[in-house]
């Protein structure tokens, strides 16, 4: 065999080998690209419906302190011991407290100093309190007002069919006076009908007012109240009109410019209102206020003055993708507000169970 022929065969073999390597590389590249597309193309069903959130807190929430008139003085044992508004009572004399009546009955039967364990901003404290006999009623009290249920109106952000989770609000429910995030006990996500809206103005946020109904057929059971919203396991998916599925946008796919929100301002009708995404604050870790938005829709501005309380959770849509949800309104300018990235809320859905 000639040297030239041998050389041609070697070159041919090398060429075939190179083409094969390129083919493998291209296949790997295509597989990688396909896997990236699968990860990023998360499908959600957008919300916009006004929903009622009725939630028990774990323990009993202290909502007020009072002075008690005894036979010879006026005292406030709970306050004097160190208990504060916003504290959550976990147990009294070692007995777990779940309802407001538990506090009353245990205190009434104690006849002596009681040990009260409370939670305050994720820290646990123990107090000794001496109940006193109220002069007018003859009942023993420690001078605190408590409740175990929280109720309010928000907006459904989306339903995640992969996890069977409803996501709403975009921010957590806090005790207003102490800004304590409340830990969710049993709760329900309920259908709501909007009856009226108090228009927002600079310094005074507006408010959606509505009624809850169908308590016996909740949309879901509230499982989590965290700083990124309310999350409920779906139990009655058919109980609400669902929109067509929509792809979730990642942060990199969001841009400053026109977008719209879905929300309810009358009855149960979900409507589309134009907004502008004025700033995208890209984040590496979960955090709220990733988006800054401004309402540009003339009808929404005329009817509500902009963003009002109860619109929290309204999904933000851009380029036919769910990019996030409304979370807060600027107190001094109700036409502007913040939003959370949808991907952070989806992460909470995955971590629900």
C-alpha atoms as a PDB file:
ATOM      1  CA  UNK A   1       0.000   0.000   0.000  1.00  0.00           C
ATOM      2  CA  UNK A   2       1.377   3.403  -0.938  1.00  0.00           C
ATOM      3  CA  UNK A   3       2.260   6.015   1.640  1.00  0.00           C
ATOM      4  CA  UNK A   4      -0.289   8.424   0.150  1.00  0.00           C
ATOM      5  CA  UNK A   5      -3.065   5.836   0.456  1.00  0.00           C
ATOM      6  CA  UNK A   6      -2.132   5.067   4.055  1.00  0.00           C
ATOM      7  CA  UNK A   7      -2.151   8.786   4.791  1.00  0.00           C
ATOM      8  CA  UNK A   8      -5.611   9.181   3.190  1.00  0.00           C
ATOM      9  CA  UNK A   9      -6.994   6.311   5.246  1.00  0.00           C
ATOM     10  CA  UNK A  10      -5.625   7.833   8.470  1.00  0.00           C
ATOM     11  CA  UNK A  11      -7.052  11.240   7.613  1.00  0.00           C
ATOM     12  CA  UNK A  12     -10.394   9.623   6.733  1.00  0.00           C
ATOM     13  CA  UNK A  13     -10.483   7.754  10.051  1.00  0.00           C
ATOM     14  CA  UNK A  14      -9.572  10.863  11.985  1.00  0.00           C
ATOM     15  CA  UNK A  15     -12.235  12.804  10.141  1.00  0.00           C
ATOM     16  CA  UNK A  16     -14.881  10.200  10.928  1.00  0.00           C
ATOM     17  CA  UNK A  17     -13.765  10.210  14.559  1.00  0.00           C
ATOM     18  CA  UNK A  18     -13.960  14.016  14.723  1.00  0.00           C
ATOM     19  CA  UNK A  19     -17.413  14.064  13.163  1.00  0.00           C
ATOM     20  CA  UNK A  20     -18.532  11.393  15.639  1.00  0.00           C
ATOM     21  CA  UNK A  21     -17.183  13.466  18.540  1.00  0.00           C
ATOM     22  CA  UNK A  22     -18.949  16.554  17.234  1.00  0.00           C
ATOM     23  CA  UNK A  23     -22.149  14.510  16.892  1.00  0.00           C
ATOM     24  CA  UNK A  24     -21.887  13.339  20.520  1.00  0.00           C
ATOM     25  CA  UNK A  25     -21.170  16.901  21.648  1.00  0.00           C
ATOM     26  CA  UNK A  26     -24.146  18.215  19.698  1.00  0.00           C
ATOM     27  CA  UNK A  27     -26.394  15.516  21.139  1.00  0.00           C
ATOM     28  CA  UNK A  28     -25.199  16.299  24.650  1.00  0.00           C
ATOM     29  CA  UNK A  29     -25.705  19.994  24.008  1.00  0.00           C
ATOM     30  CA  UNK A  30     -29.240  19.348  22.742  1.00  0.00           C
ATOM     31  CA  UNK A  31     -29.997  17.157  25.748  1.00  0.00           C
ATOM     32  CA  UNK A  32     -28.669  19.857  28.091  1.00  0.00           C
ATOM     33  CA  UNK A  33     -30.686  22.525  26.318  1.00  0.00           C
ATOM     34  CA  UNK A  34     -33.787  20.324  26.473  1.00  0.00           C
ATOM     35  CA  UNK A  35     -33.302  19.777  30.201  1.00  0.00           C
ATOM     36  CA  UNK A  36     -32.894  23.529  30.785  1.00  0.00           C
ATOM     37  CA  UNK A  37     -36.085  24.191  28.866  1.00  0.00           C
ATOM     38  CA  UNK A  38     -37.967  21.608  30.929  1.00  0.00           C
ATOM     39  CA  UNK A  39     -36.750  23.171  34.185  1.00  0.00           C
ATOM     40  CA  UNK A  40     -37.630  26.734  33.148  1.00  0.00           C
ATOM     41  CA  UNK A  41     -41.000  25.962  31.566  1.00  0.00           C
ATOM     42  CA  UNK A  42     -42.936  25.640  34.801  1.00  0.00           C
ATOM     43  CA  UNK A  43     -46.685  25.744  34.163  1.00  0.00           C
ATOM     44  CA  UNK A  44     -49.113  27.432  36.577  1.00  0.00           C
ATOM     45  CA  UNK A  45     -52.768  28.379  36.472  1.00  0.00           C
ATOM     46  CA  UNK A  46     -53.073  32.133  37.112  1.00  0.00           C
ATOM     47  CA  UNK A  47     -55.454  33.419  39.766  1.00  0.00           C
ATOM     48  CA  UNK A  48     -56.799  36.915  40.336  1.00  0.00           C
ATOM     49  CA  UNK A  49     -59.840  35.786  42.325  1.00  0.00           C
ATOM     50  CA  UNK A  50     -60.576  37.518  45.612  1.00  0.00           C
ATOM     51  CA  UNK A  51     -60.276  34.927  48.391  1.00  0.00           C
ATOM     52  CA  UNK A  52     -60.991  34.860  52.100  1.00  0.00           C
ATOM     53  CA  UNK A  53     -58.341  33.588  54.472  1.00  0.00           C
ATOM     54  CA  UNK A  54     -59.566  32.289  57.806  1.00  0.00           C
ATOM     55  CA  UNK A  55     -56.726  30.950  59.891  1.00  0.00           C
ATOM     56  CA  UNK A  56     -56.188  29.695  63.396  1.00  0.00           C
ATOM     57  CA  UNK A  57     -52.854  30.591  64.922  1.00  0.00           C
ATOM     58  CA  UNK A  58     -50.797  27.979  66.738  1.00  0.00           C
ATOM     59  CA  UNK A  59     -51.580  28.928  70.298  1.00  0.00           C
ATOM     60  CA  UNK A  60     -53.694  31.921  71.291  1.00  0.00           C
ATOM     61  CA  UNK A  61     -52.876  35.484  70.275  1.00  0.00           C
ATOM     62  CA  UNK A  62     -52.799  38.274  72.871  1.00  0.00           C
ATOM     63  CA  UNK A  63     -54.707  41.183  71.294  1.00  0.00           C
ATOM     64  CA  UNK A  64     -55.206  43.448  74.308  1.00  0.00           C
ATOM     65  CA  UNK A  65     -54.338  44.115  77.947  1.00  0.00           C
ATOM     66  CA  UNK A  66     -56.757  45.391  80.574  1.00  0.00           C
ATOM     67  CA  UNK A  67     -56.834  46.648  84.115  1.00  0.00           C
ATOM     68  CA  UNK A  68     -58.909  44.645  86.587  1.00  0.00           C
ATOM     69  CA  UNK A  69     -60.786  46.210  89.460  1.00  0.00           C
ATOM     70  CA  UNK A  70     -60.426  44.089  92.588  1.00  0.00           C
ATOM     71  CA  UNK A  71     -61.970  44.730  95.988  1.00  0.00           C
ATOM     72  CA  UNK A  72     -59.212  47.124  97.023  1.00  0.00           C
ATOM     73  CA  UNK A  73     -57.169  48.064  93.917  1.00  0.00           C
ATOM     74  CA  UNK A  74     -56.891  48.199  90.125  1.00  0.00           C
ATOM     75  CA  UNK A  75     -54.232  45.899  88.681  1.00  0.00           C
ATOM     76  CA  UNK A  76     -53.070  44.325  85.420  1.00  0.00           C
ATOM     77  CA  UNK A  77     -51.287  41.058  86.330  1.00  0.00           C
ATOM     78  CA  UNK A  78     -50.482  39.992  82.774  1.00  0.00           C
ATOM     79  CA  UNK A  79     -48.938  43.337  81.852  1.00  0.00           C
ATOM     80  CA  UNK A  80     -47.036  43.574  85.148  1.00  0.00           C
ATOM     81  CA  UNK A  81     -45.569  40.095  84.576  1.00  0.00           C
ATOM     82  CA  UNK A  82     -44.243  41.112  81.132  1.00  0.00           C
ATOM     83  CA  UNK A  83     -46.820  39.759  78.677  1.00  0.00           C
ATOM     84  CA  UNK A  84     -47.229  41.959  75.584  1.00  0.00           C
ATOM     85  CA  UNK A  85     -49.779  42.467  72.818  1.00  0.00           C
ATOM     86  CA  UNK A  86     -48.834  40.180  69.933  1.00  0.00           C
ATOM     87  CA  UNK A  87     -47.529  37.401  72.178  1.00  0.00           C
ATOM     88  CA  UNK A  88     -48.812  33.920  71.421  1.00  0.00           C
ATOM     89  CA  UNK A  89     -49.714  31.850  74.485  1.00  0.00           C
ATOM     90  CA  UNK A  90     -48.530  28.277  73.967  1.00  0.00           C
ATOM     91  CA  UNK A  91     -49.339  26.697  77.330  1.00  0.00           C
ATOM     92  CA  UNK A  92     -50.519  27.456  80.855  1.00  0.00           C
ATOM     93  CA  UNK A  93     -49.303  25.271  83.724  1.00  0.00           C
ATOM     94  CA  UNK A  94     -47.976  22.844  81.123  1.00  0.00           C
ATOM     95  CA  UNK A  95     -51.354  22.474  79.379  1.00  0.00           C
ATOM     96  CA  UNK A  96     -51.344  23.272  75.670  1.00  0.00           C
ATOM     97  CA  UNK A  97     -53.558  26.216  74.768  1.00  0.00           C
ATOM     98  CA  UNK A  98     -55.484  26.063  71.479  1.00  0.00           C
ATOM     99  CA  UNK A  99     -58.551  28.236  72.028  1.00  0.00           C
ATOM    100  CA  UNK A 100     -59.445  31.436  73.840  1.00  0.00           C
ATOM    101  CA  UNK A 101     -61.770  29.456  76.120  1.00  0.00           C
ATOM    102  CA  UNK A 102     -58.787  27.340  77.225  1.00  0.00           C
ATOM    103  CA  UNK A 103     -57.158  30.412  78.734  1.00  0.00           C
ATOM    104  CA  UNK A 104     -60.316  31.393  80.603  1.00  0.00           C
ATOM    105  CA  UNK A 105     -61.000  27.934  82.012  1.00  0.00           C
ATOM    106  CA  UNK A 106     -57.420  27.191  83.084  1.00  0.00           C
ATOM    107  CA  UNK A 107     -57.036  30.588  84.787  1.00  0.00           C
ATOM    108  CA  UNK A 108     -60.420  30.234  86.503  1.00  0.00           C
ATOM    109  CA  UNK A 109     -59.556  26.778  87.857  1.00  0.00           C
ATOM    110  CA  UNK A 110     -55.955  27.551  88.824  1.00  0.00           C
ATOM    111  CA  UNK A 111     -56.522  29.338  92.161  1.00  0.00           C
ATOM    112  CA  UNK A 112     -52.924  30.456  92.452  1.00  0.00           C
ATOM    113  CA  UNK A 113     -49.875  31.500  90.431  1.00  0.00           C
ATOM    114  CA  UNK A 114     -49.841  30.155  86.891  1.00  0.00           C
ATOM    115  CA  UNK A 115     -46.882  29.440  84.622  1.00  0.00           C
ATOM    116  CA  UNK A 116     -47.510  30.896  81.150  1.00  0.00           C
ATOM    117  CA  UNK A 117     -45.327  30.007  78.197  1.00  0.00           C
ATOM    118  CA  UNK A 118     -45.473  32.434  75.275  1.00  0.00           C
ATOM    119  CA  UNK A 119     -43.841  32.835  71.874  1.00  0.00           C
ATOM    120  CA  UNK A 120     -42.643  36.296  70.784  1.00  0.00           C
ATOM    121  CA  UNK A 121     -40.909  36.711  67.420  1.00  0.00           C
ATOM    122  CA  UNK A 122     -39.686  33.097  67.364  1.00  0.00           C
ATOM    123  CA  UNK A 123     -38.410  33.250  70.965  1.00  0.00           C
ATOM    124  CA  UNK A 124     -40.065  31.394  73.841  1.00  0.00           C
ATOM    125  CA  UNK A 125     -40.516  33.052  77.244  1.00  0.00           C
ATOM    126  CA  UNK A 126     -41.995  31.838  80.549  1.00  0.00           C
ATOM    127  CA  UNK A 127     -43.862  34.089  82.965  1.00  0.00           C
ATOM    128  CA  UNK A 128     -45.393  33.563  86.382  1.00  0.00           C
ATOM    129  CA  UNK A 129     -48.689  35.422  86.770  1.00  0.00           C
ATOM    130  CA  UNK A 130     -50.952  35.721  89.795  1.00  0.00           C
ATOM    131  CA  UNK A 131     -54.646  35.791  88.760  1.00  0.00           C
ATOM    132  CA  UNK A 132     -56.844  38.230  90.677  1.00  0.00           C
ATOM    133  CA  UNK A 133     -60.543  38.131  91.535  1.00  0.00           C
ATOM    134  CA  UNK A 134     -62.546  40.760  89.649  1.00  0.00           C
ATOM    135  CA  UNK A 135     -64.738  42.693  92.054  1.00  0.00           C
ATOM    136  CA  UNK A 136     -67.885  42.905  89.876  1.00  0.00           C
ATOM    137  CA  UNK A 137     -67.977  39.375  88.439  1.00  0.00           C
ATOM    138  CA  UNK A 138     -66.137  37.362  91.073  1.00  0.00           C
ATOM    139  CA  UNK A 139     -64.109  35.669  88.299  1.00  0.00           C
ATOM    140  CA  UNK A 140     -60.366  35.172  88.347  1.00  0.00           C
ATOM    141  CA  UNK A 141     -58.511  36.971  85.554  1.00  0.00           C
ATOM    142  CA  UNK A 142     -55.003  38.007  84.520  1.00  0.00           C
ATOM    143  CA  UNK A 143     -55.960  41.047  82.424  1.00  0.00           C
ATOM    144  CA  UNK A 144     -55.416  39.923  78.836  1.00  0.00           C
ATOM    145  CA  UNK A 145     -57.656  39.730  75.767  1.00  0.00           C
ATOM    146  CA  UNK A 146     -56.992  36.811  73.452  1.00  0.00           C
ATOM    147  CA  UNK A 147     -58.244  35.293  70.203  1.00  0.00           C
ATOM    148  CA  UNK A 148     -57.330  32.247  68.163  1.00  0.00           C
ATOM    149  CA  UNK A 149     -58.618  33.142  64.700  1.00  0.00           C
ATOM    150  CA  UNK A 150     -57.395  35.568  62.043  1.00  0.00           C
ATOM    151  CA  UNK A 151     -59.515  36.477  59.022  1.00  0.00           C
ATOM    152  CA  UNK A 152     -58.983  38.718  56.010  1.00  0.00           C
ATOM    153  CA  UNK A 153     -59.245  39.137  52.253  1.00  0.00           C
ATOM    154  CA  UNK A 154     -56.484  38.716  49.693  1.00  0.00           C
ATOM    155  CA  UNK A 155     -56.046  37.623  46.092  1.00  0.00           C
ATOM    156  CA  UNK A 156     -55.214  34.207  44.693  1.00  0.00           C
ATOM    157  CA  UNK A 157     -51.871  34.271  42.867  1.00  0.00           C
ATOM    158  CA  UNK A 158     -51.949  30.895  41.156  1.00  0.00           C
ATOM    159  CA  UNK A 159     -52.682  27.206  41.451  1.00  0.00           C
ATOM    160  CA  UNK A 160     -49.727  24.847  41.015  1.00  0.00           C
ATOM    161  CA  UNK A 161     -51.067  21.604  39.486  1.00  0.00           C
ATOM    162  CA  UNK A 162     -47.792  19.765  40.153  1.00  0.00           C
ATOM    163  CA  UNK A 163     -48.078  20.184  43.919  1.00  0.00           C
ATOM    164  CA  UNK A 164     -51.860  20.748  44.264  1.00  0.00           C
ATOM    165  CA  UNK A 165     -51.179  24.024  46.082  1.00  0.00           C
ATOM    166  CA  UNK A 166     -52.989  27.366  45.988  1.00  0.00           C
ATOM    167  CA  UNK A 167     -50.628  30.335  46.515  1.00  0.00           C
ATOM    168  CA  UNK A 168     -52.059  33.668  47.643  1.00  0.00           C
ATOM    169  CA  UNK A 169     -51.151  37.081  49.089  1.00  0.00           C
ATOM    170  CA  UNK A 170     -47.435  37.104  48.226  1.00  0.00           C
ATOM    171  CA  UNK A 171     -46.634  38.189  51.784  1.00  0.00           C
ATOM    172  CA  UNK A 172     -47.334  36.782  55.222  1.00  0.00           C
ATOM    173  CA  UNK A 173     -50.010  37.644  57.779  1.00  0.00           C
ATOM    174  CA  UNK A 174     -48.515  39.506  60.726  1.00  0.00           C
ATOM    175  CA  UNK A 175     -49.769  40.732  64.093  1.00  0.00           C
ATOM    176  CA  UNK A 176     -50.126  44.416  63.280  1.00  0.00           C
ATOM    177  CA  UNK A 177     -48.884  46.010  66.503  1.00  0.00           C
ATOM    178  CA  UNK A 178     -45.743  43.935  66.993  1.00  0.00           C
ATOM    179  CA  UNK A 179     -45.133  42.900  63.349  1.00  0.00           C
ATOM    180  CA  UNK A 180     -44.952  39.253  64.441  1.00  0.00           C
ATOM    181  CA  UNK A 181     -45.373  36.647  61.686  1.00  0.00           C
ATOM    182  CA  UNK A 182     -48.160  34.341  62.828  1.00  0.00           C
ATOM    183  CA  UNK A 183     -47.628  30.596  62.604  1.00  0.00           C
ATOM    184  CA  UNK A 184     -50.554  28.969  60.826  1.00  0.00           C
ATOM    185  CA  UNK A 185     -52.717  26.445  62.605  1.00  0.00           C
ATOM    186  CA  UNK A 186     -55.830  25.021  60.957  1.00  0.00           C
ATOM    187  CA  UNK A 187     -57.239  27.380  58.357  1.00  0.00           C
ATOM    188  CA  UNK A 188     -59.321  27.633  55.222  1.00  0.00           C
ATOM    189  CA  UNK A 189     -59.063  29.367  51.857  1.00  0.00           C
ATOM    190  CA  UNK A 190     -62.579  30.529  51.006  1.00  0.00           C
ATOM    191  CA  UNK A 191     -64.444  31.947  48.045  1.00  0.00           C
ATOM    192  CA  UNK A 192     -65.181  35.656  48.413  1.00  0.00           C
ATOM    193  CA  UNK A 193     -67.448  38.177  46.741  1.00  0.00           C
ATOM    194  CA  UNK A 194     -66.223  41.767  46.558  1.00  0.00           C
ATOM    195  CA  UNK A 195     -68.942  44.154  47.723  1.00  0.00           C
ATOM    196  CA  UNK A 196     -67.190  47.522  47.773  1.00  0.00           C
ATOM    197  CA  UNK A 197     -63.811  49.245  47.613  1.00  0.00           C
ATOM    198  CA  UNK A 198     -62.539  52.140  49.678  1.00  0.00           C
ATOM    199  CA  UNK A 199     -60.337  54.194  47.363  1.00  0.00           C
ATOM    200  CA  UNK A 200     -56.715  54.669  48.320  1.00  0.00           C
ATOM    201  CA  UNK A 201     -54.977  58.021  48.622  1.00  0.00           C
ATOM    202  CA  UNK A 202     -51.558  59.266  49.719  1.00  0.00           C
ATOM    203  CA  UNK A 203     -50.941  58.188  53.320  1.00  0.00           C
ATOM    204  CA  UNK A 204     -54.184  56.167  53.565  1.00  0.00           C
ATOM    205  CA  UNK A 205     -54.227  52.765  51.812  1.00  0.00           C
ATOM    206  CA  UNK A 206     -57.516  51.762  50.197  1.00  0.00           C
ATOM    207  CA  UNK A 207     -59.285  48.515  50.976  1.00  0.00           C
ATOM    208  CA  UNK A 208     -61.338  45.780  49.325  1.00  0.00           C
ATOM    209  CA  UNK A 209     -64.427  44.799  51.300  1.00  0.00           C
ATOM    210  CA  UNK A 210     -66.197  41.533  50.692  1.00  0.00           C
ATOM    211  CA  UNK A 211     -67.950  38.541  52.205  1.00  0.00           C
ATOM    212  CA  UNK A 212     -66.836  34.945  52.661  1.00  0.00           C
ATOM    213  CA  UNK A 213     -69.149  32.092  51.773  1.00  0.00           C
ATOM    214  CA  UNK A 214     -69.308  28.314  51.397  1.00  0.00           C
ATOM    215  CA  UNK A 215     -67.433  27.654  54.642  1.00  0.00           C
ATOM    216  CA  UNK A 216     -68.262  23.959  54.275  1.00  0.00           C
ATOM    217  CA  UNK A 217     -66.575  23.826  50.827  1.00  0.00           C
ATOM    218  CA  UNK A 218     -63.235  25.643  51.161  1.00  0.00           C
ATOM    219  CA  UNK A 219     -60.949  25.866  48.159  1.00  0.00           C
ATOM    220  CA  UNK A 220     -58.088  24.588  50.259  1.00  0.00           C
ATOM    221  CA  UNK A 221     -56.728  23.982  53.726  1.00  0.00           C
ATOM    222  CA  UNK A 222     -54.200  26.611  54.843  1.00  0.00           C
ATOM    223  CA  UNK A 223     -50.919  24.869  55.625  1.00  0.00           C
ATOM    224  CA  UNK A 224     -48.371  27.667  55.707  1.00  0.00           C
ATOM    225  CA  UNK A 225     -48.176  31.374  56.505  1.00  0.00           C
ATOM    226  CA  UNK A 226     -44.709  32.653  55.670  1.00  0.00           C
ATOM    227  CA  UNK A 227     -43.196  35.958  54.593  1.00  0.00           C
ATOM    228  CA  UNK A 228     -43.804  34.961  50.950  1.00  0.00           C
ATOM    229  CA  UNK A 229     -47.524  34.308  51.211  1.00  0.00           C
ATOM    230  CA  UNK A 230     -50.301  31.934  52.237  1.00  0.00           C
ATOM    231  CA  UNK A 231     -50.165  28.375  50.899  1.00  0.00           C
ATOM    232  CA  UNK A 232     -53.098  25.970  50.916  1.00  0.00           C
ATOM    233  CA  UNK A 233     -53.444  22.337  49.909  1.00  0.00           C
ATOM    234  CA  UNK A 234     -56.185  22.209  47.293  1.00  0.00           C
ATOM    235  CA  UNK A 235     -59.345  20.417  48.395  1.00  0.00           C
ATOM    236  CA  UNK A 236     -62.006  21.868  46.072  1.00  0.00           C
ATOM    237  CA  UNK A 237     -60.351  22.748  42.762  1.00  0.00           C
ATOM    238  CA  UNK A 238     -63.704  22.659  40.958  1.00  0.00           C
ATOM    239  CA  UNK A 239     -65.072  25.315  43.319  1.00  0.00           C
ATOM    240  CA  UNK A 240     -63.412  28.158  41.432  1.00  0.00           C
ATOM    241  CA  UNK A 241     -63.281  29.142  37.759  1.00  0.00           C
ATOM    242  CA  UNK A 242     -59.757  28.439  36.573  1.00  0.00           C
ATOM    243  CA  UNK A 243     -57.987  30.220  33.722  1.00  0.00           C
ATOM    244  CA  UNK A 244     -55.893  28.582  31.036  1.00  0.00           C
ATOM    245  CA  UNK A 245     -52.439  27.369  32.191  1.00  0.00           C
ATOM    246  CA  UNK A 246     -49.575  29.792  31.729  1.00  0.00           C
ATOM    247  CA  UNK A 247     -45.788  29.420  31.848  1.00  0.00           C
ATOM    248  CA  UNK A 248     -43.873  30.935  34.774  1.00  0.00           C
ATOM    249  CA  UNK A 249     -41.150  33.455  33.934  1.00  0.00           C
ATOM    250  CA  UNK A 250     -37.734  33.224  35.543  1.00  0.00           C
ATOM    251  CA  UNK A 251     -36.101  36.451  36.729  1.00  0.00           C
ATOM    252  CA  UNK A 252     -33.939  36.600  33.611  1.00  0.00           C
ATOM    253  CA  UNK A 253     -37.052  36.620  31.405  1.00  0.00           C
ATOM    254  CA  UNK A 254     -38.588  39.653  33.138  1.00  0.00           C
ATOM    255  CA  UNK A 255     -37.947  43.130  31.791  1.00  0.00           C
ATOM    256  CA  UNK A 256     -38.873  46.679  32.598  1.00  0.00           C
ATOM    257  CA  UNK A 257     -41.914  47.715  30.590  1.00  0.00           C
ATOM    258  CA  UNK A 258     -45.628  47.014  30.081  1.00  0.00           C
ATOM    259  CA  UNK A 259     -47.369  44.192  31.949  1.00  0.00           C
ATOM    260  CA  UNK A 260     -50.747  43.593  33.553  1.00  0.00           C
ATOM    261  CA  UNK A 261     -52.285  42.221  36.733  1.00  0.00           C
ATOM    262  CA  UNK A 262     -55.306  39.993  37.235  1.00  0.00           C
ATOM    263  CA  UNK A 263     -57.537  41.005  40.137  1.00  0.00           C
ATOM    264  CA  UNK A 264     -61.157  41.329  41.272  1.00  0.00           C
ATOM    265  CA  UNK A 265     -62.739  44.684  42.090  1.00  0.00           C
ATOM    266  CA  UNK A 266     -66.433  43.813  41.694  1.00  0.00           C
ATOM    267  CA  UNK A 267     -68.257  40.634  42.660  1.00  0.00           C
ATOM    268  CA  UNK A 268     -66.338  37.576  41.500  1.00  0.00           C
ATOM    269  CA  UNK A 269     -65.182  38.777  38.092  1.00  0.00           C
ATOM    270  CA  UNK A 270     -61.436  38.523  37.443  1.00  0.00           C
ATOM    271  CA  UNK A 271     -60.271  41.406  35.239  1.00  0.00           C
ATOM    272  CA  UNK A 272     -57.061  42.492  33.536  1.00  0.00           C
ATOM    273  CA  UNK A 273     -55.521  45.882  34.368  1.00  0.00           C
ATOM    274  CA  UNK A 274     -52.459  47.448  32.736  1.00  0.00           C
ATOM    275  CA  UNK A 275     -49.344  48.244  34.769  1.00  0.00           C
ATOM    276  CA  UNK A 276     -45.706  49.099  34.134  1.00  0.00           C
ATOM    277  CA  UNK A 277     -42.807  47.149  35.643  1.00  0.00           C
ATOM    278  CA  UNK A 278     -40.508  50.033  36.532  1.00  0.00           C
ATOM    279  CA  UNK A 279     -37.671  48.079  38.148  1.00  0.00           C
ATOM    280  CA  UNK A 280     -36.475  44.461  38.349  1.00  0.00           C
ATOM    281  CA  UNK A 281     -34.361  43.735  41.439  1.00  0.00           C
ATOM    282  CA  UNK A 282     -32.798  40.380  40.538  1.00  0.00           C
ATOM    283  CA  UNK A 283     -32.173  38.169  43.568  1.00  0.00           C
ATOM    284  CA  UNK A 284     -30.072  35.085  44.289  1.00  0.00           C
ATOM    285  CA  UNK A 285     -32.063  34.122  47.386  1.00  0.00           C
ATOM    286  CA  UNK A 286     -35.728  34.260  48.320  1.00  0.00           C
ATOM    287  CA  UNK A 287     -36.868  37.765  49.151  1.00  0.00           C
ATOM    288  CA  UNK A 288     -39.879  39.991  48.603  1.00  0.00           C
ATOM    289  CA  UNK A 289     -39.979  43.253  46.657  1.00  0.00           C
ATOM    290  CA  UNK A 290     -38.196  41.859  43.612  1.00  0.00           C
ATOM    291  CA  UNK A 291     -40.390  43.961  41.335  1.00  0.00           C
ATOM    292  CA  UNK A 292     -41.427  47.603  41.432  1.00  0.00           C
ATOM    293  CA  UNK A 293     -44.648  48.349  39.567  1.00  0.00           C
ATOM    294  CA  UNK A 294     -46.884  51.290  38.681  1.00  0.00           C
ATOM    295  CA  UNK A 295     -50.575  51.154  37.770  1.00  0.00           C
ATOM    296  CA  UNK A 296     -51.235  52.764  34.383  1.00  0.00           C
ATOM    297  CA  UNK A 297     -54.775  51.494  33.785  1.00  0.00           C
ATOM    298  CA  UNK A 298     -57.133  54.493  33.789  1.00  0.00           C
ATOM    299  CA  UNK A 299     -60.147  52.463  34.944  1.00  0.00           C
ATOM    300  CA  UNK A 300     -58.333  50.957  37.937  1.00  0.00           C
ATOM    301  CA  UNK A 301     -56.962  54.376  38.883  1.00  0.00           C
ATOM    302  CA  UNK A 302     -60.433  55.937  38.686  1.00  0.00           C
ATOM    303  CA  UNK A 303     -62.140  53.121  40.591  1.00  0.00           C
ATOM    304  CA  UNK A 304     -59.580  52.311  43.284  1.00  0.00           C
ATOM    305  CA  UNK A 305     -56.926  55.011  43.149  1.00  0.00           C
ATOM    306  CA  UNK A 306     -54.357  52.328  42.374  1.00  0.00           C
ATOM    307  CA  UNK A 307     -53.351  49.356  44.529  1.00  0.00           C
ATOM    308  CA  UNK A 308     -55.485  48.749  47.627  1.00  0.00           C
ATOM    309  CA  UNK A 309     -55.386  46.306  50.532  1.00  0.00           C
ATOM    310  CA  UNK A 310     -56.866  43.012  49.403  1.00  0.00           C
ATOM    311  CA  UNK A 311     -55.106  43.103  46.022  1.00  0.00           C
ATOM    312  CA  UNK A 312     -52.029  41.487  47.548  1.00  0.00           C
ATOM    313  CA  UNK A 313     -51.375  38.313  45.604  1.00  0.00           C
ATOM    314  CA  UNK A 314     -52.730  39.583  42.269  1.00  0.00           C
ATOM    315  CA  UNK A 315     -50.659  37.795  39.600  1.00  0.00           C
ATOM    316  CA  UNK A 316     -48.404  39.942  37.407  1.00  0.00           C
ATOM    317  CA  UNK A 317     -48.290  38.861  33.753  1.00  0.00           C
ATOM    318  CA  UNK A 318     -45.765  39.912  31.119  1.00  0.00           C
ATOM    319  CA  UNK A 319     -45.233  38.440  27.635  1.00  0.00           C
ATOM    320  CA  UNK A 320     -47.886  35.818  28.412  1.00  0.00           C
ATOM    321  CA  UNK A 321     -45.913  34.539  31.422  1.00  0.00           C
ATOM    322  CA  UNK A 322     -46.602  34.738  35.168  1.00  0.00           C
ATOM    323  CA  UNK A 323     -43.723  36.825  36.486  1.00  0.00           C
ATOM    324  CA  UNK A 324     -44.830  37.458  40.065  1.00  0.00           C
ATOM    325  CA  UNK A 325     -47.521  38.759  42.392  1.00  0.00           C
ATOM    326  CA  UNK A 326     -48.384  42.122  43.957  1.00  0.00           C
ATOM    327  CA  UNK A 327     -47.285  42.341  47.602  1.00  0.00           C
ATOM    328  CA  UNK A 328     -47.272  45.934  48.893  1.00  0.00           C
ATOM    329  CA  UNK A 329     -48.470  49.394  47.997  1.00  0.00           C
ATOM    330  CA  UNK A 330     -46.405  52.542  48.491  1.00  0.00           C
ATOM    331  CA  UNK A 331     -48.133  54.249  51.425  1.00  0.00           C
ATOM    332  CA  UNK A 332     -47.575  57.730  50.014  1.00  0.00           C
ATOM    333  CA  UNK A 333     -48.390  56.799  46.416  1.00  0.00           C
ATOM    334  CA  UNK A 334     -51.099  54.128  45.890  1.00  0.00           C
ATOM    335  CA  UNK A 335     -50.380  54.008  42.143  1.00  0.00           C
ATOM    336  CA  UNK A 336     -47.074  52.253  42.893  1.00  0.00           C
ATOM    337  CA  UNK A 337     -46.170  49.065  44.666  1.00  0.00           C
ATOM    338  CA  UNK A 338     -43.938  46.016  44.984  1.00  0.00           C
ATOM    339  CA  UNK A 339     -44.151  42.463  43.704  1.00  0.00           C
ATOM    340  CA  UNK A 340     -42.514  39.143  44.520  1.00  0.00           C
ATOM    341  CA  UNK A 341     -40.997  36.869  41.859  1.00  0.00           C
ATOM    342  CA  UNK A 342     -43.234  33.918  40.982  1.00  0.00           C
ATOM    343  CA  UNK A 343     -40.315  31.506  41.260  1.00  0.00           C
ATOM    344  CA  UNK A 344     -39.969  32.205  44.998  1.00  0.00           C
ATOM    345  CA  UNK A 345     -43.653  31.410  45.528  1.00  0.00           C
ATOM    346  CA  UNK A 346     -43.314  28.209  43.495  1.00  0.00           C
ATOM    347  CA  UNK A 347     -40.410  27.200  45.743  1.00  0.00           C
ATOM    348  CA  UNK A 348     -42.706  27.572  48.774  1.00  0.00           C
ATOM    349  CA  UNK A 349     -45.279  25.342  47.041  1.00  0.00           C
ATOM    350  CA  UNK A 350     -42.637  22.627  46.637  1.00  0.00           C
ATOM    351  CA  UNK A 351     -41.693  22.888  50.318  1.00  0.00           C
ATOM    352  CA  UNK A 352     -45.270  22.754  51.648  1.00  0.00           C
ATOM    353  CA  UNK A 353     -45.352  19.065  52.519  1.00  0.00           C
END
